[in-house]
Protein backbone atom coordinates (compact mmCIF):
# COMPACT_ATOMS: atom_id res chain seq x y z
CA MET A 1 -134.87 92.70 -58.03
CA TYR A 2 -133.75 95.20 -60.15
CA ALA A 3 -132.48 95.80 -63.82
CA ILE A 4 -130.32 98.43 -65.48
CA VAL A 5 -131.95 99.54 -68.28
CA ASN A 6 -130.97 102.23 -71.57
CA ILE A 7 -133.90 104.38 -72.20
CA ALA A 8 -133.34 107.21 -74.24
CA GLY A 9 -129.70 107.04 -74.47
CA GLN A 10 -129.78 106.91 -71.07
CA GLN A 11 -129.00 104.57 -68.55
CA PHE A 12 -131.34 104.01 -65.83
CA LYS A 13 -131.49 101.26 -62.65
CA VAL A 14 -135.21 100.74 -61.72
CA GLN A 15 -137.06 98.46 -59.73
CA GLU A 16 -140.34 97.59 -60.04
CA ASN A 17 -143.18 99.71 -59.02
CA LYS A 18 -140.97 102.54 -58.52
CA PRO A 19 -141.41 105.56 -60.30
CA VAL A 20 -138.50 107.19 -63.10
CA PHE A 21 -138.34 110.30 -64.60
CA VAL A 22 -136.83 110.02 -68.06
CA HIS A 23 -136.46 112.20 -71.07
CA ARG A 24 -140.02 112.85 -72.67
CA LEU A 25 -140.90 110.00 -73.94
CA GLU A 26 -143.67 109.48 -77.44
CA ALA A 27 -146.39 107.98 -75.54
CA SER A 28 -149.26 109.28 -74.35
CA GLU A 29 -149.99 109.38 -70.76
CA GLY A 30 -151.87 105.65 -69.91
CA ASP A 31 -150.04 103.91 -72.23
CA SER A 32 -147.40 101.00 -71.27
CA VAL A 33 -143.74 101.11 -73.05
CA LYS A 34 -141.41 98.37 -73.43
CA PHE A 35 -138.01 98.38 -73.11
CA ASP A 36 -135.91 96.16 -74.88
CA GLN A 37 -132.14 97.36 -74.15
CA VAL A 38 -131.43 95.73 -70.60
CA LEU A 39 -127.56 95.67 -69.41
CA LEU A 40 -128.00 94.17 -66.13
CA VAL A 41 -130.86 92.56 -64.19
CA ASP A 42 -129.57 91.05 -60.68
CA ASP A 43 -132.81 88.98 -59.15
CA ASN A 44 -131.86 88.60 -55.14
CA GLY A 45 -127.98 87.80 -56.09
CA SER A 46 -128.74 86.05 -59.41
CA VAL A 47 -126.90 88.78 -61.67
CA LYS A 48 -127.37 88.72 -65.37
CA VAL A 49 -124.50 90.77 -67.16
CA GLY A 50 -125.29 91.61 -71.45
CA ALA A 51 -122.89 91.53 -74.05
CA PRO A 52 -123.93 94.24 -74.52
CA THR A 53 -127.29 93.14 -73.73
CA VAL A 54 -129.22 90.63 -71.73
CA SER A 55 -131.29 88.47 -74.43
CA GLY A 56 -135.01 87.63 -74.14
CA ALA A 57 -134.48 90.71 -70.84
CA SER A 58 -137.36 93.20 -71.11
CA VAL A 59 -138.82 96.14 -68.99
CA SER A 60 -142.32 97.11 -69.05
CA ALA A 61 -143.60 100.24 -67.81
CA LYS A 62 -146.75 102.97 -67.39
CA VAL A 63 -146.43 106.23 -68.41
CA LEU A 64 -147.80 108.29 -65.46
CA ALA A 65 -147.56 111.74 -66.38
CA HIS A 66 -145.77 114.53 -68.51
CA LEU A 67 -144.06 117.59 -67.58
CA LYS A 68 -141.09 120.09 -66.85
CA GLY A 69 -138.21 119.87 -64.92
CA ASP A 70 -137.05 122.68 -62.60
CA LYS A 71 -135.19 125.75 -64.51
CA VAL A 72 -131.89 125.58 -64.65
CA LEU A 73 -129.87 129.23 -65.56
CA VAL A 74 -127.09 129.67 -67.25
CA PHE A 75 -125.55 133.09 -67.11
CA LYS A 76 -122.54 133.96 -68.78
CA LYS A 77 -120.10 137.31 -67.86
CA LYS A 78 -117.01 138.36 -69.07
CA ARG A 79 -115.44 141.25 -66.65
CA ARG A 80 -114.65 144.18 -67.52
CA LYS A 81 -116.20 143.90 -71.39
CA GLY A 82 -120.07 144.66 -70.25
CA TYR A 83 -120.91 141.40 -71.93
CA GLN A 84 -123.81 139.43 -69.94
CA LYS A 85 -126.40 137.01 -70.94
CA MET A 86 -128.50 134.80 -68.99
CA ASN A 87 -130.77 131.95 -70.60
CA GLY A 88 -133.10 129.93 -68.87
CA HIS A 89 -133.88 125.95 -69.96
CA ARG A 90 -136.50 123.67 -68.39
CA GLN A 91 -136.21 119.89 -69.36
CA ALA A 92 -138.52 118.23 -70.85
CA LEU A 93 -139.90 115.26 -68.90
CA THR A 94 -141.82 111.65 -68.59
CA LYS A 95 -142.91 110.80 -65.53
CA ILE A 96 -143.22 106.45 -65.79
CA GLN A 97 -143.88 103.50 -63.39
CA ILE A 98 -141.98 100.27 -63.90
CA GLU A 99 -144.93 97.19 -64.05
CA LYS A 100 -142.70 94.06 -64.66
CA ILE A 101 -138.78 93.30 -65.12
CA SER A 102 -138.56 89.82 -67.22
CA ALA A 103 -135.83 88.27 -67.56
């Protein structure tokens, strides 16, 4: 069983007991969070597609940790002009584990 869920503006394919890295959530570590914007639910071949969401469906998850992603380097250069600029970024992420998909 899996579901397509909208979490913090992004769509994720989630399965029960699987961890997912999402953009930083406001919840503390160890808290349970519930997502109501379920776009699709597949229960062993029985597919429910929402328009835009599946009514009555929700996904509950537990916050495991808050962490930072890998560093992404952005390098800009204009040749023959002497212009160079280096910038780095680390995205703030939250690791959640999907506990239950209810449809």
